[in-house]
Amino acid sequence: MNAITEYLREQVAAHRATAAENPDDPRYLQSAAALEALAAYADAGAEQGIFQMRYLLEHHVVDGRFAWADGQCGRSIMHFGFDAPVRSEGELDQFLMDLCDMAKSDAARHIGSNESEIDRGDAPALAKRYGIGVDRVHGALDAGRGIRHVFAIGIPSWHELTAETRAELEAIDGAIVEPGKEAVYGKDPPLIVKNVPAPDERQARERVAQIVGIEPDALGASPSQQRVI
């Protein structure tokens, strides 16, 4: 038995206990039977190395326990087979696949809920830990921090920056500071500050302008459809 099937069988026991207290409601025993079948399928799948079990066991077990008992995963497991009996192995396989997707969502919610304890630079490690994309980690951090819009701000090449000023720009949450491409901007391309969070373009300009000591209207600005990684 592994951490996933251990959790499934805990829910089997919980449903059977509830069924004993509610003998007129057959749904609890029906769900218990479905979960018992799911646990057996998951046990065999873990031994055979099927994708779902490899993914869940590698990325969604913490301290020997299934990580998302209190999340979307836990709620879905609790209702598995509750309203309709599970009749085929295909349903078991599909539920484990769905569980992988739900685990990704639970991981993203966990990251967003704990954003104050997470450094943006840890995004690649978190993505690897939970088996999700780096962009999803950044999206979860943005959601947790209330960031809805990011902008790319261009600083003219003629405006010189000190090392201290550049460091202050790079300290903006998630910002990337790099020269613009000549192929796009021509000779003497601007320095681009990407991923500047702000409610609107004007405030994004003003934020960067205050740091670098320039008039906001001297800066270029464009909204980003997604965070640059």
Protein backbone atom coordinates (compact mmCIF):
# COMPACT_ATOMS: atom_id res chain seq x y z
CA MET A 1 0.00 0.00 0.00
CA ASN A 2 1.15 3.54 -0.72
CA ALA A 3 0.16 7.02 0.45
CA ILE A 4 -2.56 7.39 -2.18
CA THR A 5 -4.24 4.05 -1.58
CA GLU A 6 -3.87 4.49 2.17
CA TYR A 7 -5.90 7.68 1.93
CA LEU A 8 -8.48 6.03 -0.32
CA ARG A 9 -8.99 3.20 2.15
CA GLU A 10 -9.35 5.69 5.00
CA GLN A 11 -12.28 7.15 3.09
CA VAL A 12 -13.68 3.65 2.56
CA ALA A 13 -13.66 3.14 6.32
CA ALA A 14 -15.20 6.58 6.91
CA HIS A 15 -18.06 5.87 4.48
CA ARG A 16 -18.75 2.48 6.03
CA ALA A 17 -18.90 4.05 9.48
CA THR A 18 -21.34 6.68 8.18
CA ALA A 19 -23.38 3.96 6.48
CA ALA A 20 -23.77 2.16 9.79
CA GLU A 21 -25.24 5.35 11.25
CA ASN A 22 -27.50 5.88 8.21
CA PRO A 23 -28.79 2.43 7.22
CA ASP A 24 -31.54 3.90 5.05
CA ASP A 25 -29.06 5.69 2.75
CA PRO A 26 -27.32 3.18 0.43
CA ARG A 27 -25.05 5.79 -1.15
CA TYR A 28 -22.35 5.53 1.52
CA LEU A 29 -21.88 1.79 0.99
CA GLN A 30 -22.03 2.34 -2.77
CA SER A 31 -19.26 4.95 -2.54
CA ALA A 32 -17.26 2.74 -0.19
CA ALA A 33 -17.38 -0.07 -2.75
CA ALA A 34 -16.30 2.30 -5.53
CA LEU A 35 -13.41 3.62 -3.45
CA GLU A 36 -12.32 0.11 -2.50
CA ALA A 37 -12.20 -0.77 -6.21
CA LEU A 38 -10.30 2.45 -6.89
CA ALA A 39 -7.77 1.67 -4.15
CA ALA A 40 -7.19 -1.82 -5.55
CA TYR A 41 -6.76 -0.38 -9.05
CA ALA A 42 -4.38 2.28 -7.74
CA ASP A 43 -2.34 -0.32 -5.83
CA ALA A 44 -1.94 -2.40 -8.97
CA GLY A 45 -1.22 0.72 -11.00
CA ALA A 46 1.54 1.76 -8.63
CA GLU A 47 3.19 -1.64 -9.02
CA GLN A 48 2.83 -1.44 -12.82
CA GLY A 49 4.09 2.15 -12.93
CA ILE A 50 1.09 3.68 -14.67
CA PHE A 51 1.42 7.42 -15.30
CA GLN A 52 -1.24 8.57 -12.84
CA MET A 53 0.28 6.80 -9.87
CA ARG A 54 3.85 7.73 -10.76
CA TYR A 55 2.79 11.38 -11.01
CA LEU A 56 0.71 11.48 -7.82
CA LEU A 57 3.27 9.62 -5.73
CA GLU A 58 6.20 11.70 -6.98
CA HIS A 59 4.61 15.13 -6.72
CA HIS A 60 1.68 15.07 -4.32
CA VAL A 61 2.78 13.22 -1.21
CA VAL A 62 4.10 15.17 1.77
CA ASP A 63 5.61 13.49 4.84
CA GLY A 64 4.23 10.15 3.72
CA ARG A 65 0.65 11.41 3.34
CA PHE A 66 -1.48 12.44 0.37
CA ALA A 67 -1.06 16.21 0.25
CA TRP A 68 -4.54 17.38 -0.77
CA ALA A 69 -6.98 15.62 1.52
CA ASP A 70 -8.54 19.00 2.32
CA GLY A 71 -8.58 20.28 -1.25
CA GLN A 72 -10.49 19.63 -4.44
CA CYS A 73 -8.92 16.18 -4.59
CA GLY A 74 -10.22 15.24 -1.16
CA ARG A 75 -13.74 16.44 -1.93
CA SER A 76 -13.84 14.53 -5.22
CA ILE A 77 -12.57 11.35 -3.61
CA MET A 78 -15.20 11.65 -0.88
CA HIS A 79 -17.97 11.79 -3.53
CA PHE A 80 -16.56 9.14 -5.86
CA GLY A 81 -19.29 6.61 -6.66
CA PHE A 82 -21.68 8.34 -4.27
CA ASP A 83 -24.50 9.15 -6.70
CA ALA A 84 -23.92 6.39 -9.23
CA PRO A 85 -22.14 3.04 -9.01
CA VAL A 86 -18.79 2.63 -10.74
CA ARG A 87 -19.18 -0.08 -13.35
CA SER A 88 -15.90 -0.31 -15.26
CA GLU A 89 -12.15 -0.24 -14.93
CA GLY A 90 -12.15 2.61 -17.43
CA GLU A 91 -13.96 4.79 -14.90
CA LEU A 92 -11.29 4.03 -12.32
CA ASP A 93 -8.52 4.89 -14.74
CA GLN A 94 -10.22 8.13 -15.79
CA PHE A 95 -10.80 9.21 -12.20
CA LEU A 96 -7.10 8.80 -11.43
CA MET A 97 -6.31 10.92 -14.49
CA ASP A 98 -8.78 13.55 -13.32
CA LEU A 99 -7.19 13.36 -9.88
CA CYS A 100 -3.85 14.35 -11.41
CA ASP A 101 -5.42 17.51 -12.83
CA MET A 102 -7.15 18.29 -9.55
CA ALA A 103 -3.86 17.81 -7.69
CA LYS A 104 -2.27 20.44 -9.92
CA SER A 105 -5.07 22.84 -9.05
CA ASP A 106 -4.72 22.11 -5.34
CA ALA A 107 -0.98 22.69 -5.56
CA ALA A 108 -1.53 26.03 -7.30
CA ARG A 109 -4.04 27.09 -4.64
CA HIS A 110 -1.57 26.08 -1.94
CA ILE A 111 1.13 28.21 -3.53
CA GLY A 112 -1.21 31.19 -3.88
CA SER A 113 -2.44 30.87 -0.30
CA ASN A 114 1.12 30.83 1.02
CA GLU A 115 2.55 33.47 -1.32
CA SER A 116 3.92 35.59 1.54
CA GLU A 117 6.30 32.76 2.45
CA ILE A 118 7.47 32.10 -1.12
CA ASP A 119 10.23 33.85 -3.01
CA ARG A 120 9.56 34.37 -6.71
CA GLY A 121 12.96 32.87 -7.46
CA ASP A 122 11.77 29.55 -6.04
CA ALA A 123 9.20 29.14 -8.83
CA PRO A 124 11.24 26.61 -10.87
CA ALA A 125 11.82 24.45 -7.81
CA LEU A 126 8.13 24.59 -6.87
CA ALA A 127 7.14 23.70 -10.41
CA LYS A 128 9.39 20.64 -10.28
CA ARG A 129 8.18 19.71 -6.80
CA TYR A 130 4.50 19.72 -7.74
CA GLY A 131 4.81 18.67 -11.37
CA ILE A 132 3.25 21.84 -12.77
CA GLY A 133 4.44 24.51 -15.20
CA VAL A 134 6.57 27.41 -13.99
CA ASP A 135 4.01 29.77 -15.52
CA ARG A 136 1.35 28.22 -13.31
CA VAL A 137 3.47 28.84 -10.22
CA HIS A 138 3.89 32.49 -11.18
CA GLY A 139 0.17 32.72 -11.89
CA ALA A 140 -0.61 31.32 -8.44
CA LEU A 141 1.76 33.81 -6.81
CA ASP A 142 0.20 36.65 -8.80
CA ALA A 143 -3.29 35.58 -7.74
CA GLY A 144 -2.23 35.32 -4.11
CA ARG A 145 -0.66 38.77 -4.24
CA GLY A 146 -3.59 40.35 -6.02
CA ILE A 147 -1.61 41.03 -9.21
CA ARG A 148 -3.93 41.16 -12.22
CA HIS A 149 -1.88 43.09 -14.77
CA VAL A 150 1.80 43.27 -15.69
CA PHE A 151 3.49 45.66 -18.09
CA ALA A 152 6.74 45.95 -20.04
CA ILE A 153 8.31 49.37 -19.55
CA GLY A 154 10.99 50.67 -21.91
CA ILE A 155 13.72 53.02 -20.62
CA PRO A 156 15.43 55.05 -23.38
CA SER A 157 19.01 54.03 -24.08
CA TRP A 158 20.20 57.60 -23.49
CA HIS A 159 19.05 57.49 -19.87
CA GLU A 160 21.94 56.00 -17.91
CA LEU A 161 21.29 53.83 -14.89
CA THR A 162 23.51 53.18 -11.91
CA ALA A 163 24.05 49.66 -10.64
CA GLU A 164 21.99 50.56 -7.58
CA THR A 165 19.08 51.76 -9.72
CA ARG A 166 19.12 48.62 -11.83
CA ALA A 167 19.15 46.52 -8.68
CA GLU A 168 16.08 48.40 -7.44
CA LEU A 169 14.30 47.64 -10.71
CA GLU A 170 15.22 43.97 -10.44
CA ALA A 171 13.81 43.96 -6.90
CA ILE A 172 10.30 44.58 -8.26
CA ASP A 173 8.33 41.39 -7.68
CA GLY A 174 9.05 39.13 -10.65
CA ALA A 175 10.66 41.81 -12.80
CA ILE A 176 13.16 40.94 -15.54
CA VAL A 177 15.48 43.72 -16.74
CA GLU A 178 17.16 43.20 -20.10
CA PRO A 179 18.07 45.16 -23.25
CA GLY A 180 15.49 45.25 -26.00
CA LYS A 181 16.34 43.45 -29.23
CA GLU A 182 17.74 45.54 -32.07
CA ALA A 183 15.67 43.53 -34.51
CA VAL A 184 12.58 44.90 -32.80
CA TYR A 185 13.64 48.38 -31.65
CA GLY A 186 16.42 49.27 -34.08
CA LYS A 187 19.74 50.85 -33.12
CA ASP A 188 20.16 51.83 -29.46
CA PRO A 189 17.23 49.77 -28.17
CA PRO A 190 15.71 50.67 -24.80
CA LEU A 191 16.27 48.77 -21.59
CA ILE A 192 13.09 46.77 -20.97
CA VAL A 193 11.69 46.16 -17.50
CA LYS A 194 9.32 43.23 -17.91
CA ASN A 195 6.60 41.99 -15.53
CA VAL A 196 5.98 45.31 -13.79
CA PRO A 197 2.79 44.81 -11.73
CA ALA A 198 0.42 47.76 -11.68
CA PRO A 199 -3.32 48.45 -11.93
CA ASP A 200 -2.85 50.26 -15.26
CA GLU A 201 -0.25 51.47 -17.74
CA ARG A 202 0.06 54.94 -16.23
CA GLN A 203 0.87 53.62 -12.79
CA ALA A 204 3.35 51.15 -14.27
CA ARG A 205 5.17 54.05 -15.96
CA GLU A 206 5.13 56.10 -12.77
CA ARG A 207 6.50 53.23 -10.71
CA VAL A 208 9.50 52.77 -12.96
CA ALA A 209 9.97 56.52 -13.50
CA GLN A 210 10.22 57.12 -9.78
CA ILE A 211 12.97 54.51 -9.46
CA VAL A 212 15.08 55.64 -12.42
CA GLY A 213 14.52 59.40 -12.10
CA ILE A 214 12.82 60.23 -15.38
CA GLU A 215 9.51 61.68 -16.54
CA PRO A 216 6.87 58.96 -16.94
CA ASP A 217 6.04 60.10 -20.48
CA ALA A 218 9.63 59.42 -21.54
CA LEU A 219 9.06 55.73 -20.95
CA GLY A 220 7.54 53.27 -23.34
CA ALA A 221 4.90 50.90 -22.01
CA SER A 222 2.88 47.96 -23.20
CA PRO A 223 0.62 45.49 -21.41
CA SER A 224 1.74 41.87 -21.24
CA GLN A 225 -0.83 39.17 -21.90
CA GLN A 226 1.14 36.89 -19.63
CA ARG A 227 4.12 37.07 -17.35
CA VAL A 228 7.48 36.72 -19.11
CA ILE A 229 9.52 33.92 -17.55
